[in-house]
Amino acid sequence: MPTALWVLVGVAAWLVVSVVVALVLGRVLRMRDRQVPDPPPRPGPPSAVPPVRRRPVEPPPCGRPQGPRPPG
């Protein structure tokens, strides 16, 4: 067989083996992650402040001026 054909066979074999290893490794890691329980919640106050709920802003009625009134 010519050298180029051996190179192509080697590259193809490397790709096949790398895909198989990646799939098996991914499956093993997923199975491991399923077995690890979630950590318990930390004691103390929550780290994030809950958001303040505000009323929706309504547009002013048509008769009222918008913004500050001019003096006078």
PDB file of N, CA and C in Angstrom:
ATOM      1  N   MET A   1       0.838  -1.177   0.000  1.00  0.00           N
ATOM      2  CA  MET A   1       0.000   0.000   0.000  1.00  0.00           C
ATOM      3  C   MET A   1       0.883   1.240   0.000  1.00  0.00           C
ATOM      4  N   PRO A   2       0.460   2.242  -0.707  1.00  0.00           N
ATOM      5  CA  PRO A   2       1.255   3.473  -0.716  1.00  0.00           C
ATOM      6  C   PRO A   2       1.177   4.176   0.644  1.00  0.00           C
ATOM      7  N   THR A   3       2.122   5.046   0.869  1.00  0.00           N
ATOM      8  CA  THR A   3       2.234   5.742   2.155  1.00  0.00           C
ATOM      9  C   THR A   3       1.006   6.601   2.441  1.00  0.00           C
ATOM     10  N   ALA A   4       0.480   7.276   1.426  1.00  0.00           N
ATOM     11  CA  ALA A   4      -0.684   8.142   1.624  1.00  0.00           C
ATOM     12  C   ALA A   4      -1.882   7.337   2.121  1.00  0.00           C
ATOM     13  N   LEU A   5      -2.032   6.122   1.631  1.00  0.00           N
ATOM     14  CA  LEU A   5      -3.147   5.286   2.071  1.00  0.00           C
ATOM     15  C   LEU A   5      -2.982   4.895   3.542  1.00  0.00           C
ATOM     16  N   TRP A   6      -1.745   4.587   3.953  1.00  0.00           N
ATOM     17  CA  TRP A   6      -1.493   4.264   5.357  1.00  0.00           C
ATOM     18  C   TRP A   6      -1.790   5.473   6.253  1.00  0.00           C
ATOM     19  N   VAL A   7      -1.452   6.658   5.772  1.00  0.00           N
ATOM     20  CA  VAL A   7      -1.735   7.869   6.552  1.00  0.00           C
ATOM     21  C   VAL A   7      -3.240   8.045   6.704  1.00  0.00           C
ATOM     22  N   LEU A   8      -3.987   7.840   5.626  1.00  0.00           N
ATOM     23  CA  LEU A   8      -5.445   7.968   5.690  1.00  0.00           C
ATOM     24  C   LEU A   8      -6.051   6.926   6.626  1.00  0.00           C
ATOM     25  N   VAL A   9      -5.547   5.701   6.579  1.00  0.00           N
ATOM     26  CA  VAL A   9      -6.045   4.653   7.474  1.00  0.00           C
ATOM     27  C   VAL A   9      -5.747   5.025   8.927  1.00  0.00           C
ATOM     28  N   GLY A  10      -4.565   5.550   9.186  1.00  0.00           N
ATOM     29  CA  GLY A  10      -4.208   5.959  10.549  1.00  0.00           C
ATOM     30  C   GLY A  10      -5.078   7.096  11.058  1.00  0.00           C
ATOM     31  N   VAL A  11      -5.334   8.076  10.197  1.00  0.00           N
ATOM     32  CA  VAL A  11      -6.181   9.207  10.592  1.00  0.00           C
ATOM     33  C   VAL A  11      -7.603   8.727  10.862  1.00  0.00           C
ATOM     34  N   ALA A  12      -8.130   7.868  10.007  1.00  0.00           N
ATOM     35  CA  ALA A  12      -9.486   7.349  10.199  1.00  0.00           C
ATOM     36  C   ALA A  12      -9.575   6.542  11.495  1.00  0.00           C
ATOM     37  N   ALA A  13      -8.572   5.706  11.756  1.00  0.00           N
ATOM     38  CA  ALA A  13      -8.580   4.914  12.988  1.00  0.00           C
ATOM     39  C   ALA A  13      -8.499   5.823  14.211  1.00  0.00           C
ATOM     40  N   TRP A  14      -7.677   6.870  14.129  1.00  0.00           N
ATOM     41  CA  TRP A  14      -7.556   7.801  15.241  1.00  0.00           C
ATOM     42  C   TRP A  14      -8.890   8.496  15.506  1.00  0.00           C
ATOM     43  N   LEU A  15      -9.589   8.901  14.451  1.00  0.00           N
ATOM     44  CA  LEU A  15     -10.891   9.549  14.616  1.00  0.00           C
ATOM     45  C   LEU A  15     -11.902   8.601  15.258  1.00  0.00           C
ATOM     46  N   VAL A  16     -11.936   7.360  14.807  1.00  0.00           N
ATOM     47  CA  VAL A  16     -12.888   6.391  15.358  1.00  0.00           C
ATOM     48  C   VAL A  16     -12.603   6.152  16.838  1.00  0.00           C
ATOM     49  N   VAL A  17     -11.345   5.942  17.175  1.00  0.00           N
ATOM     50  CA  VAL A  17     -10.985   5.685  18.573  1.00  0.00           C
ATOM     51  C   VAL A  17     -11.285   6.905  19.437  1.00  0.00           C
ATOM     52  N   SER A  18     -11.002   8.105  18.947  1.00  0.00           N
ATOM     53  CA  SER A  18     -11.243   9.304  19.753  1.00  0.00           C
ATOM     54  C   SER A  18     -12.738   9.521  19.991  1.00  0.00           C
ATOM     55  N   VAL A  19     -13.570   9.222  18.996  1.00  0.00           N
ATOM     56  CA  VAL A  19     -15.019   9.368  19.180  1.00  0.00           C
ATOM     57  C   VAL A  19     -15.525   8.360  20.206  1.00  0.00           C
ATOM     58  N   VAL A  20     -15.051   7.125  20.126  1.00  0.00           N
ATOM     59  CA  VAL A  20     -15.475   6.100  21.086  1.00  0.00           C
ATOM     60  C   VAL A  20     -15.045   6.484  22.499  1.00  0.00           C
ATOM     61  N   VAL A  21     -13.824   6.950  22.656  1.00  0.00           N
ATOM     62  CA  VAL A  21     -13.341   7.357  23.984  1.00  0.00           C
ATOM     63  C   VAL A  21     -14.158   8.530  24.510  1.00  0.00           C
ATOM     64  N   ALA A  22     -14.462   9.498  23.669  1.00  0.00           N
ATOM     65  CA  ALA A  22     -15.249  10.653  24.108  1.00  0.00           C
ATOM     66  C   ALA A  22     -16.649  10.227  24.543  1.00  0.00           C
ATOM     67  N   LEU A  23     -17.283   9.331  23.797  1.00  0.00           N
ATOM     68  CA  LEU A  23     -18.619   8.873  24.164  1.00  0.00           C
ATOM     69  C   LEU A  23     -18.606   8.094  25.475  1.00  0.00           C
ATOM     70  N   VAL A  24     -17.642   7.206  25.632  1.00  0.00           N
ATOM     71  CA  VAL A  24     -17.561   6.416  26.864  1.00  0.00           C
ATOM     72  C   VAL A  24     -17.243   7.316  28.050  1.00  0.00           C
ATOM     73  N   LEU A  25     -16.318   8.243  27.886  1.00  0.00           N
ATOM     74  CA  LEU A  25     -15.962   9.147  28.973  1.00  0.00           C
ATOM     75  C   LEU A  25     -17.156  10.024  29.358  1.00  0.00           C
ATOM     76  N   GLY A  26     -17.883  10.524  28.370  1.00  0.00           N
ATOM     77  CA  GLY A  26     -19.068  11.327  28.662  1.00  0.00           C
ATOM     78  C   GLY A  26     -20.117  10.540  29.418  1.00  0.00           C
ATOM     79  N   ARG A  27     -20.314   9.292  29.033  1.00  0.00           N
ATOM     80  CA  ARG A  27     -21.297   8.449  29.716  1.00  0.00           C
ATOM     81  C   ARG A  27     -20.871   8.181  31.161  1.00  0.00           C
ATOM     82  N   VAL A  28     -19.591   7.908  31.365  1.00  0.00           N
ATOM     83  CA  VAL A  28     -19.089   7.652  32.718  1.00  0.00           C
ATOM     84  C   VAL A  28     -19.256   8.897  33.590  1.00  0.00           C
ATOM     85  N   LEU A  29     -18.956  10.059  33.046  1.00  0.00           N
ATOM     86  CA  LEU A  29     -19.090  11.288  33.830  1.00  0.00           C
ATOM     87  C   LEU A  29     -20.546  11.580  34.168  1.00  0.00           C
ATOM     88  N   ARG A  30     -21.456  11.338  33.230  1.00  0.00           N
ATOM     89  CA  ARG A  30     -22.875  11.555  33.512  1.00  0.00           C
ATOM     90  C   ARG A  30     -23.367  10.602  34.597  1.00  0.00           C
ATOM     91  N   MET A  31     -22.937   9.352  34.546  1.00  0.00           N
ATOM     92  CA  MET A  31     -23.339   8.391  35.575  1.00  0.00           C
ATOM     93  C   MET A  31     -22.766   8.790  36.935  1.00  0.00           C
ATOM     94  N   ARG A  32     -21.536   9.299  36.950  1.00  0.00           N
ATOM     95  CA  ARG A  32     -20.933   9.741  38.206  1.00  0.00           C
ATOM     96  C   ARG A  32     -21.690  10.931  38.779  1.00  0.00           C
ATOM     97  N   ASP A  33     -22.067  11.873  37.923  1.00  0.00           N
ATOM     98  CA  ASP A  33     -22.768  13.062  38.395  1.00  0.00           C
ATOM     99  C   ASP A  33     -24.149  12.723  38.942  1.00  0.00           C
ATOM    100  N   ARG A  34     -24.781  11.684  38.423  1.00  0.00           N
ATOM    101  CA  ARG A  34     -26.083  11.279  38.941  1.00  0.00           C
ATOM    102  C   ARG A  34     -25.978  10.749  40.363  1.00  0.00           C
ATOM    103  N   GLN A  35     -24.848  10.174  40.728  1.00  0.00           N
ATOM    104  CA  GLN A  35     -24.694   9.559  42.042  1.00  0.00           C
ATOM    105  C   GLN A  35     -24.324  10.566  43.122  1.00  0.00           C
ATOM    106  N   VAL A  36     -23.828  11.721  42.744  1.00  0.00           N
ATOM    107  CA  VAL A  36     -23.403  12.719  43.729  1.00  0.00           C
ATOM    108  C   VAL A  36     -24.618  13.547  44.132  1.00  0.00           C
ATOM    109  N   PRO A  37     -24.982  13.558  45.423  1.00  0.00           N
ATOM    110  CA  PRO A  37     -26.143  14.360  45.835  1.00  0.00           C
ATOM    111  C   PRO A  37     -25.809  15.849  45.805  1.00  0.00           C
ATOM    112  N   ASP A  38     -26.844  16.655  45.707  1.00  0.00           N
ATOM    113  CA  ASP A  38     -26.661  18.101  45.747  1.00  0.00           C
ATOM    114  C   ASP A  38     -26.190  18.505  47.144  1.00  0.00           C
ATOM    115  N   PRO A  39     -25.360  19.531  47.246  1.00  0.00           N
ATOM    116  CA  PRO A  39     -24.901  19.956  48.575  1.00  0.00           C
ATOM    117  C   PRO A  39     -26.059  20.554  49.366  1.00  0.00           C
ATOM    118  N   PRO A  40     -26.027  20.439  50.700  1.00  0.00           N
ATOM    119  CA  PRO A  40     -27.103  21.021  51.510  1.00  0.00           C
ATOM    120  C   PRO A  40     -27.044  22.545  51.434  1.00  0.00           C
ATOM    121  N   PRO A  41     -28.175  23.207  51.649  1.00  0.00           N
ATOM    122  CA  PRO A  41     -28.160  24.676  51.612  1.00  0.00           C
ATOM    123  C   PRO A  41     -27.312  25.232  52.743  1.00  0.00           C
ATOM    124  N   ARG A  42     -26.651  26.348  52.463  1.00  0.00           N
ATOM    125  CA  ARG A  42     -25.781  26.968  53.461  1.00  0.00           C
ATOM    126  C   ARG A  42     -26.625  27.681  54.512  1.00  0.00           C
ATOM    127  N   PRO A  43     -26.216  27.628  55.778  1.00  0.00           N
ATOM    128  CA  PRO A  43     -26.975  28.343  56.811  1.00  0.00           C
ATOM    129  C   PRO A  43     -26.760  29.847  56.686  1.00  0.00           C
ATOM    130  N   GLY A  44     -27.698  30.593  57.225  1.00  0.00           N
ATOM    131  CA  GLY A  44     -27.563  32.038  57.217  1.00  0.00           C
ATOM    132  C   GLY A  44     -28.522  32.679  56.233  1.00  0.00           C
ATOM    133  N   PRO A  45     -28.453  33.993  56.132  1.00  0.00           N
ATOM    134  CA  PRO A  45     -29.369  34.702  55.233  1.00  0.00           C
ATOM    135  C   PRO A  45     -29.054  34.373  53.776  1.00  0.00           C
ATOM    136  N   PRO A  46     -30.049  34.505  52.923  1.00  0.00           N
ATOM    137  CA  PRO A  46     -29.789  34.234  51.504  1.00  0.00           C
ATOM    138  C   PRO A  46     -28.790  35.231  50.942  1.00  0.00           C
ATOM    139  N   SER A  47     -28.032  34.794  49.963  1.00  0.00           N
ATOM    140  CA  SER A  47     -26.978  35.643  49.419  1.00  0.00           C
ATOM    141  C   SER A  47     -27.525  36.739  48.510  1.00  0.00           C
ATOM    142  N   ALA A  48     -28.678  36.524  47.920  1.00  0.00           N
ATOM    143  CA  ALA A  48     -29.240  37.513  46.997  1.00  0.00           C
ATOM    144  C   ALA A  48     -30.477  38.147  47.634  1.00  0.00           C
ATOM    145  N   VAL A  49     -30.609  39.447  47.470  1.00  0.00           N
ATOM    146  CA  VAL A  49     -31.772  40.158  47.976  1.00  0.00           C
ATOM    147  C   VAL A  49     -32.906  39.954  46.980  1.00  0.00           C
ATOM    148  N   PRO A  50     -34.104  39.595  47.455  1.00  0.00           N
ATOM    149  CA  PRO A  50     -35.200  39.402  46.502  1.00  0.00           C
ATOM    150  C   PRO A  50     -35.544  40.718  45.815  1.00  0.00           C
ATOM    151  N   PRO A  51     -35.942  40.674  44.569  1.00  0.00           N
ATOM    152  CA  PRO A  51     -36.247  41.913  43.843  1.00  0.00           C
ATOM    153  C   PRO A  51     -37.496  42.588  44.408  1.00  0.00           C
ATOM    154  N   VAL A  52     -37.498  43.915  44.362  1.00  0.00           N
ATOM    155  CA  VAL A  52     -38.631  44.700  44.837  1.00  0.00           C
ATOM    156  C   VAL A  52     -39.666  44.742  43.724  1.00  0.00           C
ATOM    157  N   ARG A  53     -40.910  44.410  44.076  1.00  0.00           N
ATOM    158  CA  ARG A  53     -41.974  44.431  43.068  1.00  0.00           C
ATOM    159  C   ARG A  53     -42.562  45.834  43.010  1.00  0.00           C
ATOM    160  N   ARG A  54     -42.609  46.396  41.837  1.00  0.00           N
ATOM    161  CA  ARG A  54     -43.148  47.739  41.655  1.00  0.00           C
ATOM    162  C   ARG A  54     -44.390  47.672  40.786  1.00  0.00           C
ATOM    163  N   ARG A  55     -45.253  48.681  40.979  1.00  0.00           N
ATOM    164  CA  ARG A  55     -46.442  48.761  40.130  1.00  0.00           C
ATOM    165  C   ARG A  55     -46.017  49.192  38.737  1.00  0.00           C
ATOM    166  N   PRO A  56     -46.735  48.762  37.719  1.00  0.00           N
ATOM    167  CA  PRO A  56     -46.390  49.213  36.365  1.00  0.00           C
ATOM    168  C   PRO A  56     -46.641  50.711  36.223  1.00  0.00           C
ATOM    169  N   VAL A  57     -45.802  51.361  35.461  1.00  0.00           N
ATOM    170  CA  VAL A  57     -45.919  52.802  35.247  1.00  0.00           C
ATOM    171  C   VAL A  57     -47.011  53.050  34.219  1.00  0.00           C
ATOM    172  N   GLU A  58     -47.975  53.909  34.606  1.00  0.00           N
ATOM    173  CA  GLU A  58     -49.067  54.239  33.689  1.00  0.00           C
ATOM    174  C   GLU A  58     -48.790  55.605  33.068  1.00  0.00           C
ATOM    175  N   PRO A  59     -49.130  55.785  31.816  1.00  0.00           N
ATOM    176  CA  PRO A  59     -48.937  57.109  31.206  1.00  0.00           C
ATOM    177  C   PRO A  59     -49.910  58.106  31.831  1.00  0.00           C
ATOM    178  N   PRO A  60     -49.503  59.390  31.942  1.00  0.00           N
ATOM    179  CA  PRO A  60     -50.403  60.385  32.539  1.00  0.00           C
ATOM    180  C   PRO A  60     -51.595  60.639  31.623  1.00  0.00           C
ATOM    181  N   PRO A  61     -52.718  61.095  32.199  1.00  0.00           N
ATOM    182  CA  PRO A  61     -53.875  61.424  31.348  1.00  0.00           C
ATOM    183  C   PRO A  61     -53.522  62.556  30.390  1.00  0.00           C
ATOM    184  N   CYS A  62     -54.291  62.685  29.341  1.00  0.00           N
ATOM    185  CA  CYS A  62     -53.974  63.657  28.285  1.00  0.00           C
ATOM    186  C   CYS A  62     -54.014  65.098  28.779  1.00  0.00           C
ATOM    187  N   GLY A  63     -54.827  65.434  29.779  1.00  0.00           N
ATOM    188  CA  GLY A  63     -54.963  66.813  30.223  1.00  0.00           C
ATOM    189  C   GLY A  63     -53.830  67.275  31.123  1.00  0.00           C
ATOM    190  N   ARG A  64     -53.068  66.378  31.729  1.00  0.00           N
ATOM    191  CA  ARG A  64     -52.005  66.775  32.652  1.00  0.00           C
ATOM    192  C   ARG A  64     -50.697  66.984  31.900  1.00  0.00           C
ATOM    193  N   PRO A  65     -49.965  68.057  32.226  1.00  0.00           N
ATOM    194  CA  PRO A  65     -48.673  68.256  31.560  1.00  0.00           C
ATOM    195  C   PRO A  65     -47.650  67.240  32.071  1.00  0.00           C
ATOM    196  N   GLN A  66     -46.735  66.909  31.235  1.00  0.00           N
ATOM    197  CA  GLN A  66     -45.674  65.987  31.618  1.00  0.00           C
ATOM    198  C   GLN A  66     -44.464  66.789  32.065  1.00  0.00           C
ATOM    199  N   GLY A  67     -43.805  66.352  33.101  1.00  0.00           N
ATOM    200  CA  GLY A  67     -42.608  67.025  33.568  1.00  0.00           C
ATOM    201  C   GLY A  67     -42.930  68.138  34.542  1.00  0.00           C
ATOM    202  N   PRO A  68     -41.911  68.925  34.947  1.00  0.00           N
ATOM    203  CA  PRO A  68     -42.143  70.002  35.928  1.00  0.00           C
ATOM    204  C   PRO A  68     -42.908  71.159  35.290  1.00  0.00           C
ATOM    205  N   ARG A  69     -43.652  71.865  36.147  1.00  0.00           N
ATOM    206  CA  ARG A  69     -44.424  73.010  35.655  1.00  0.00           C
ATOM    207  C   ARG A  69     -43.522  74.240  35.564  1.00  0.00           C
ATOM    208  N   PRO A  70     -43.741  75.077  34.589  1.00  0.00           N
ATOM    209  CA  PRO A  70     -42.957  76.322  34.518  1.00  0.00           C
ATOM    210  C   PRO A  70     -43.390  77.277  35.628  1.00  0.00           C
ATOM    211  N   PRO A  71     -42.477  78.124  36.135  1.00  0.00           N
ATOM    212  CA  PRO A  71     -42.852  79.051  37.214  1.00  0.00           C
ATOM    213  C   PRO A  71     -43.821  80.109  36.711  1.00  0.00           C
ATOM    214  N   GLY A  72     -44.735  80.522  37.574  1.00  0.00           N
ATOM    215  CA  GLY A  72     -45.617  81.616  37.231  1.00  0.00           C
ATOM    216  C   GLY A  72     -46.979  81.251  37.137  1.00  0.00           C
TER     217      GLY A  72
END
